[in-house]
Protein backbone atom coordinates (compact mmCIF):
# COMPACT_ATOMS: atom_id res chain seq x y z
CA MET A 1 75.98 132.20 109.25
CA THR A 2 76.63 130.03 106.20
CA THR A 3 80.08 128.73 105.31
CA LYS A 4 81.27 129.19 101.73
CA LEU A 5 82.54 125.83 100.48
CA ILE A 6 83.88 124.64 97.14
CA LEU A 7 83.72 121.00 96.04
CA LEU A 8 86.14 119.99 93.32
CA GLY A 9 84.93 116.87 91.52
CA ALA A 10 81.30 115.97 90.75
CA GLY A 11 81.60 112.19 90.45
CA LYS A 12 79.87 109.43 92.43
CA ILE A 13 81.19 110.54 95.81
CA GLY A 14 80.92 114.25 94.98
CA ASP A 15 77.24 113.71 94.24
CA ALA A 16 76.70 112.18 97.68
CA ILE A 17 78.64 115.01 99.38
CA LEU A 18 76.35 117.55 97.70
CA ASN A 19 73.30 115.62 98.83
CA LEU A 20 74.41 115.72 102.48
CA LEU A 21 75.79 119.25 102.70
CA SER A 22 73.31 121.16 100.56
CA HIS A 23 70.22 120.21 102.55
CA THR A 24 71.60 121.52 105.85
CA GLY A 25 71.37 125.18 104.84
CA ASP A 26 74.67 125.79 106.64
CA TYR A 27 76.86 125.68 103.52
CA GLN A 28 76.85 127.82 100.38
CA ILE A 29 78.38 125.44 97.83
CA THR A 30 80.21 125.84 94.53
CA VAL A 31 80.93 122.62 92.65
CA ALA A 32 83.55 122.55 89.89
CA ASP A 33 84.37 119.85 87.37
CA ARG A 34 85.75 119.72 83.84
CA ASP A 35 83.03 117.31 82.65
CA PRO A 36 79.89 119.20 81.52
CA GLN A 37 77.79 116.02 81.77
CA ARG A 38 78.54 115.65 85.46
CA LEU A 39 77.70 119.28 86.08
CA LYS A 40 74.48 118.90 84.10
CA TYR A 41 73.49 116.03 86.39
CA VAL A 42 74.14 118.23 89.44
CA GLU A 43 71.99 120.98 87.95
CA GLN A 44 69.16 118.54 87.17
CA ALA A 45 69.31 117.18 90.72
CA ALA A 46 68.48 120.72 91.89
CA PHE A 47 70.45 120.54 95.12
CA PRO A 48 69.67 123.63 97.23
CA ASN A 49 72.42 126.22 97.84
CA VAL A 50 74.60 124.83 95.01
CA LYS A 51 76.03 126.49 91.89
CA THR A 52 78.22 124.85 89.23
CA ILE A 53 81.36 125.91 87.37
CA GLN A 54 83.11 124.08 84.54
CA ALA A 55 86.87 124.30 85.02
CA ASP A 56 90.20 122.62 84.34
CA LEU A 57 91.23 121.27 87.76
CA SER A 58 94.76 120.40 86.64
CA ASP A 59 95.80 124.08 86.44
CA LYS A 60 96.99 125.26 89.87
CA ASN A 61 96.59 128.97 89.13
CA ALA A 62 93.07 128.48 87.83
CA VAL A 63 92.15 126.29 90.81
CA THR A 64 93.58 128.88 93.24
CA GLU A 65 91.32 131.55 91.75
CA LEU A 66 88.35 129.17 91.94
CA ILE A 67 89.00 128.49 95.62
CA ARG A 68 89.70 132.07 96.66
CA GLY A 69 86.89 133.42 98.82
CA HIS A 70 85.76 129.96 99.98
CA GLN A 71 86.47 129.07 103.60
CA VAL A 72 86.47 125.32 102.91
CA THR A 73 87.80 123.26 100.00
CA LEU A 74 86.79 119.63 99.42
CA SER A 75 88.60 117.51 96.85
CA ALA A 76 86.68 114.55 95.44
CA CYS A 77 89.09 114.31 92.51
CA PRO A 78 91.48 111.48 91.52
CA TYR A 79 94.57 111.17 93.72
CA PHE A 80 96.95 112.56 91.07
CA LEU A 81 95.27 115.98 91.33
CA THR A 82 95.76 116.11 95.12
CA PRO A 83 99.06 118.07 95.13
CA ILE A 84 97.64 120.70 92.75
CA ILE A 85 94.42 121.21 94.69
CA ALA A 86 96.06 121.15 98.13
CA GLY A 87 98.64 123.70 96.98
CA ALA A 88 95.90 125.92 95.60
CA ALA A 89 93.93 125.68 98.87
CA LYS A 90 96.97 126.83 100.83
CA ALA A 91 97.55 129.73 98.45
CA ALA A 92 93.89 130.74 98.88
CA ASN A 93 93.99 130.20 102.68
CA SER A 94 91.11 127.73 102.61
CA HIS A 95 90.62 124.73 104.93
CA TYR A 96 91.46 121.65 102.83
CA PHE A 97 89.84 118.19 102.94
CA ASP A 98 90.35 115.22 100.61
CA LEU A 99 89.45 111.54 100.16
CA THR A 100 92.75 110.26 98.81
CA GLU A 101 94.18 106.90 99.84
CA ASP A 102 97.42 107.61 97.96
CA VAL A 103 100.45 107.60 100.26
CA GLU A 104 102.75 109.74 98.09
CA SER A 105 100.28 112.57 97.47
CA THR A 106 99.40 112.61 101.18
CA ARG A 107 103.07 113.21 101.99
CA ILE A 108 102.88 116.35 99.86
CA VAL A 109 99.76 117.46 101.74
CA LYS A 110 101.60 116.99 105.03
CA GLN A 111 104.43 119.21 103.81
CA LEU A 112 101.96 121.90 102.72
CA ALA A 113 100.30 121.72 106.15
CA GLU A 114 103.48 122.79 107.95
CA ASN A 115 103.01 126.31 109.36
CA ALA A 116 99.73 126.68 107.45
CA ASP A 117 97.13 129.14 108.73
CA CYS A 118 94.34 126.85 107.58
CA ALA A 119 93.55 123.20 108.39
CA PHE A 120 94.74 120.37 106.14
CA VAL A 121 92.61 117.26 106.68
CA PRO A 122 93.63 114.56 104.18
CA GLN A 123 92.37 110.99 103.84
CA CYS A 124 88.80 111.54 105.03
CA GLY A 125 86.03 109.06 104.29
CA LEU A 126 85.91 105.37 105.16
CA ALA A 127 89.39 103.86 104.85
CA PRO A 128 91.45 105.85 105.36
CA GLY A 129 89.16 107.93 107.53
CA PHE A 130 86.56 106.47 109.86
CA ILE A 131 88.51 103.24 110.33
CA SER A 132 91.38 105.20 111.93
CA ILE A 133 88.99 107.01 114.28
CA VAL A 134 87.57 103.67 115.44
CA ALA A 135 90.95 101.96 115.79
CA ASN A 136 92.41 104.83 117.80
CA ASP A 137 89.35 104.99 120.05
CA VAL A 138 89.49 101.27 120.88
CA ALA A 139 93.29 101.37 121.29
CA LYS A 140 93.04 104.15 123.89
CA ARG A 141 91.11 101.80 126.19
CA PHE A 142 94.22 99.64 126.74
CA ASP A 143 97.17 100.21 129.06
CA ARG A 144 99.55 98.59 126.59
CA LEU A 145 98.90 97.60 122.97
CA ARG A 146 99.95 94.41 121.22
CA ASP A 147 97.92 94.08 118.00
CA VAL A 148 95.66 96.46 116.08
CA ASN A 149 94.00 94.82 113.06
CA MET A 150 91.83 96.91 110.73
CA ARG A 151 89.59 95.36 108.07
CA VAL A 152 87.23 97.17 105.67
CA GLY A 153 85.23 95.99 102.67
CA ALA A 154 82.80 97.64 100.24
CA LEU A 155 80.96 94.69 98.74
CA PRO A 156 77.93 93.96 96.57
CA THR A 157 74.99 92.65 98.57
CA TYR A 158 74.27 90.21 95.76
CA PRO A 159 77.58 89.09 94.14
CA SER A 160 76.97 87.53 90.72
CA ASN A 161 80.25 87.47 88.74
CA ALA A 162 83.55 85.60 89.07
CA LEU A 163 85.14 88.48 90.99
CA LYS A 164 82.11 88.59 93.33
CA TYR A 165 82.48 92.34 93.09
CA ASN A 166 80.85 95.42 91.58
CA LEU A 167 82.38 98.85 91.05
CA THR A 168 81.18 101.15 93.79
CA TRP A 169 83.70 104.02 93.78
CA SER A 170 86.75 105.41 91.93
CA THR A 171 88.34 102.82 89.63
CA ASP A 172 91.64 104.74 89.76
CA GLY A 173 91.60 104.58 93.54
CA LEU A 174 90.77 100.87 93.53
CA ILE A 175 93.67 100.04 91.19
CA ASN A 176 95.96 102.22 93.28
CA GLU A 177 95.10 100.21 96.40
CA TYR A 178 95.74 96.91 94.63
CA CYS A 179 99.10 97.93 93.14
CA ASN A 180 100.98 100.25 95.49
CA PRO A 181 103.10 99.30 98.54
CA CYS A 182 101.40 99.09 101.92
CA GLU A 183 102.46 100.30 105.36
CA ALA A 184 102.37 98.24 108.55
CA ILE A 185 104.01 98.00 111.95
CA VAL A 186 105.51 94.55 112.49
CA ASP A 187 107.18 93.60 115.78
CA GLY A 188 107.35 97.26 116.72
CA GLY A 189 108.99 98.50 113.52
CA LEU A 190 107.54 100.31 110.49
CA ARG A 191 107.52 98.01 107.44
CA GLU A 192 106.55 98.27 103.80
CA THR A 193 104.49 95.26 102.70
CA SER A 194 103.17 94.10 99.33
CA ALA A 195 99.60 94.63 98.18
CA LEU A 196 97.46 91.51 97.60
CA GLU A 197 99.57 89.44 100.02
CA GLU A 198 99.08 87.99 103.53
CA ILE A 199 95.61 86.68 102.68
CA GLU A 200 93.40 85.49 105.54
CA HIS A 201 89.89 84.08 105.83
CA PHE A 202 87.19 84.76 108.40
CA SER A 203 83.43 84.60 108.89
CA LEU A 204 81.04 87.26 110.19
CA ASP A 205 77.31 86.76 110.69
CA GLY A 206 77.58 83.42 108.87
CA VAL A 207 79.18 84.91 105.72
CA ASP A 208 82.69 83.89 104.57
CA TYR A 209 85.20 86.59 103.63
CA GLU A 210 88.84 86.96 102.68
CA ALA A 211 91.14 89.87 103.52
CA PHE A 212 94.50 90.91 102.08
CA ASN A 213 96.94 93.81 102.12
CA THR A 214 96.01 96.95 100.19
CA SER A 215 97.63 100.37 100.12
CA GLY A 216 96.60 103.52 101.95
CA GLY A 217 93.98 102.30 104.43
CA LEU A 218 96.03 103.08 107.54
CA GLY A 219 96.23 106.80 106.83
CA THR A 220 98.55 108.39 109.41
CA LEU A 221 97.92 105.78 112.12
CA CYS A 222 101.38 104.24 111.73
CA GLU A 223 102.87 107.56 112.82
CA SER A 224 100.35 108.11 115.61
CA LEU A 225 100.85 104.65 117.14
CA ALA A 226 104.59 104.32 116.47
CA GLY A 227 106.33 103.06 119.62
CA LYS A 228 102.97 102.17 121.21
CA VAL A 229 101.95 99.00 119.36
CA GLN A 230 103.73 95.80 118.36
CA ASN A 231 101.67 95.03 115.26
CA LEU A 232 99.39 97.27 113.20
CA ASN A 233 97.95 96.38 109.81
CA TYR A 234 95.14 97.12 107.38
CA LYS A 235 93.50 94.72 104.93
CA THR A 236 90.67 95.01 102.40
CA VAL A 237 87.79 92.56 102.71
CA ARG A 238 86.33 90.71 99.72
CA TYR A 239 84.34 87.55 99.09
CA PRO A 240 86.55 84.41 98.73
CA GLY A 241 88.27 84.04 95.33
CA HIS A 242 88.47 87.73 94.47
CA ARG A 243 92.13 88.17 95.42
CA ASP A 244 93.37 85.33 93.20
CA ILE A 245 91.72 86.75 90.06
CA VAL A 246 92.94 90.29 90.76
CA LYS A 247 96.45 89.02 91.44
CA MET A 248 96.44 87.19 88.10
CA LEU A 249 95.44 90.39 86.28
CA ILE A 250 97.88 92.65 88.09
CA ARG A 251 100.89 90.38 88.50
CA ASP A 252 100.70 87.57 85.91
CA LEU A 253 99.31 89.72 83.08
CA GLN A 254 101.37 92.74 84.21
CA LEU A 255 98.36 95.08 84.16
CA GLY A 256 99.56 96.61 87.42
CA GLN A 257 102.55 98.23 85.71
CA PRO A 258 102.21 102.04 85.71
CA ASP A 259 102.10 102.25 81.90
CA ARG A 260 99.44 99.51 81.66
CA ARG A 261 97.04 100.46 84.43
CA HIS A 262 94.87 102.32 81.95
CA ILE A 263 94.21 98.97 80.25
CA LEU A 264 93.09 97.44 83.56
CA LYS A 265 90.82 100.44 84.17
CA GLU A 266 89.23 100.11 80.74
CA VAL A 267 88.68 96.37 81.20
CA MET A 268 87.15 96.79 84.67
CA GLU A 269 84.83 99.65 83.71
CA ALA A 270 83.69 97.85 80.54
CA SER A 271 83.13 94.50 82.28
CA ILE A 272 82.15 95.09 85.91
CA PRO A 273 78.84 96.90 86.43
CA MET A 274 78.26 99.47 89.14
CA THR A 275 75.73 98.83 91.88
CA LYS A 276 74.00 100.76 94.63
CA GLN A 277 72.98 97.53 96.34
CA ASP A 278 76.08 97.19 98.49
CA VAL A 279 77.27 96.77 102.05
CA VAL A 280 80.24 98.32 103.84
CA LEU A 281 81.89 96.15 106.46
CA VAL A 282 84.03 97.74 109.20
CA PHE A 283 85.96 95.40 111.49
CA VAL A 284 88.60 96.44 114.04
CA SER A 285 90.24 94.08 116.51
CA VAL A 286 92.61 95.29 119.24
CA ALA A 287 94.58 93.13 121.68
CA GLY A 288 96.61 94.39 124.62
CA THR A 289 96.84 94.50 128.39
CA ARG A 290 94.41 96.13 130.82
CA GLU A 291 95.06 95.98 134.54
CA GLY A 292 97.73 93.37 133.89
CA ARG A 293 95.53 91.03 131.84
CA LEU A 294 95.79 90.30 128.11
CA GLU A 295 92.41 91.21 126.55
CA GLN A 296 90.89 91.69 123.11
CA GLU A 297 88.15 94.11 122.03
CA THR A 298 86.43 94.15 118.66
CA TYR A 299 84.33 96.73 116.80
CA ALA A 300 82.20 95.38 113.95
CA LYS A 301 79.62 97.21 111.87
CA LYS A 302 77.76 96.76 108.59
CA ILE A 303 76.28 99.75 106.75
CA TYR A 304 73.90 99.34 103.81
CA SER A 305 72.72 101.61 101.00
CA GLN A 306 69.78 103.82 101.93
CA MET A 307 67.58 106.69 100.84
CA VAL A 308 68.90 110.11 101.89
CA ASN A 309 66.95 113.28 101.06
CA GLY A 310 64.99 111.36 98.43
CA GLN A 311 68.09 109.92 96.72
CA LEU A 312 69.39 106.34 96.96
CA LEU A 313 73.02 106.41 98.06
CA SER A 314 75.14 103.28 97.93
CA ALA A 315 76.80 102.23 101.18
CA ILE A 316 80.23 103.31 99.94
CA GLN A 317 78.86 106.67 98.75
CA LEU A 318 77.17 107.23 102.09
CA THR A 319 80.07 106.20 104.32
CA THR A 320 82.69 108.07 102.28
CA ALA A 321 80.63 111.25 101.92
CA SER A 322 79.42 111.27 105.53
CA GLY A 323 83.01 110.75 106.68
CA ILE A 324 84.37 113.85 104.97
CA CYS A 325 81.27 115.94 105.76
CA ALA A 326 81.53 115.08 109.45
CA MET A 327 85.18 116.16 109.51
CA VAL A 328 84.23 119.45 107.83
CA ASP A 329 81.58 120.05 110.49
CA LEU A 330 84.00 119.23 113.32
CA VAL A 331 86.60 121.70 112.01
CA VAL A 332 84.05 124.46 111.33
CA GLN A 333 82.55 123.95 114.82
CA GLY A 334 85.99 124.17 116.45
CA LYS A 335 86.04 120.55 117.68
CA LEU A 336 89.22 119.96 115.66
CA PRO A 337 92.19 122.30 115.04
CA LYS A 338 91.76 125.03 112.42
CA HIS A 339 95.39 125.15 111.29
CA GLY A 340 98.11 122.72 110.26
CA LEU A 341 97.77 118.99 109.67
CA VAL A 342 94.71 117.35 111.22
CA ARG A 343 94.86 113.56 111.41
CA GLN A 344 91.69 111.47 111.24
CA GLU A 345 92.47 109.86 114.60
CA GLN A 346 92.42 113.29 116.28
CA ALA A 347 88.62 113.17 116.04
CA SER A 348 86.95 111.42 118.95
CA LEU A 349 84.62 108.58 118.02
CA SER A 350 81.88 109.99 120.26
CA ASP A 351 82.03 113.42 118.57
CA PHE A 352 82.04 111.78 115.13
CA LEU A 353 79.05 109.51 115.77
CA ALA A 354 77.10 112.35 117.42
CA ASN A 355 77.58 114.49 114.31
CA ARG A 356 74.64 114.84 111.91
CA PHE A 357 76.68 113.17 109.15
CA GLY A 358 78.69 110.75 111.26
CA ARG A 359 75.46 109.32 112.64
CA TYR A 360 75.03 107.31 109.43
CA TYR A 361 77.78 105.06 110.79
CA ALA A 362 75.83 104.55 114.02
CA VAL A 363 72.55 103.41 112.46
């Protein structure tokens, strides 16, 4: 029996979600977007089991009517539409999934999830998302936790500009991560830290990297591990030198101010090309005690762009799309709760990697 699913947002990640879901034959998909050019691309791609609708996704009543009759709702829209879409999904009694890294909009989703008859699964994808599943899985192998360090980077395979970076996903989301406050647990207490700070350097497979605070990557892990860990933090990985240039733009030139972020977006999209030749780096390090001894365990993985169903997907497209698709599968199959808030870390790593979409992380 096929599951009726609606995807709101037909951008770079939405395109990859359609690629993965449509070829299974298990989902009957409606994709909605306000941009006719994006929908035209979807139609030309000829994904099986997919129909398109042009719609204003900022109107809650209109979105509710769009969703009604669909068992599953996926939002691949910018974070500022999250409250509207999540509210519409609840009104239509549809399981809700999103990719947002935005802390404030996720708080609204959590409120909507209270006493809901359907599942609310926010912050799917890579980070937040898969990184929380990995961190929680490794953490559970310890008797007592001391440090949980989470590092993720989506990087060009061949960096060629001063930033050593190419646009690979939502520019709005990227700016959000660089500008908004971050969460962490420090010495056992929940703290708010500043984005772009606490820079560190490390090497992996002979390549040098830097990592620094960014917003949203922890998802709900601070709540899940509260009282269980001394230190928990998340940092974004880039090639050395990137942070200093971004900090100059956001802090010194004041382009991180809410009323000037549109300028930063225009500059970045006009100056930094996109690429599908990228690599996603996932690095989790956990320290704690086992059988009375202080030990450390590390999970490290690199995922590259690859051909999927005849289409080249960038590494960030593939990891983000496979993350949310795997969570949809796990809910539909009953391996995760079907009502209320579902946290990423509630999924077991073994179930995730055994899933037909999650397996892209295992390759």
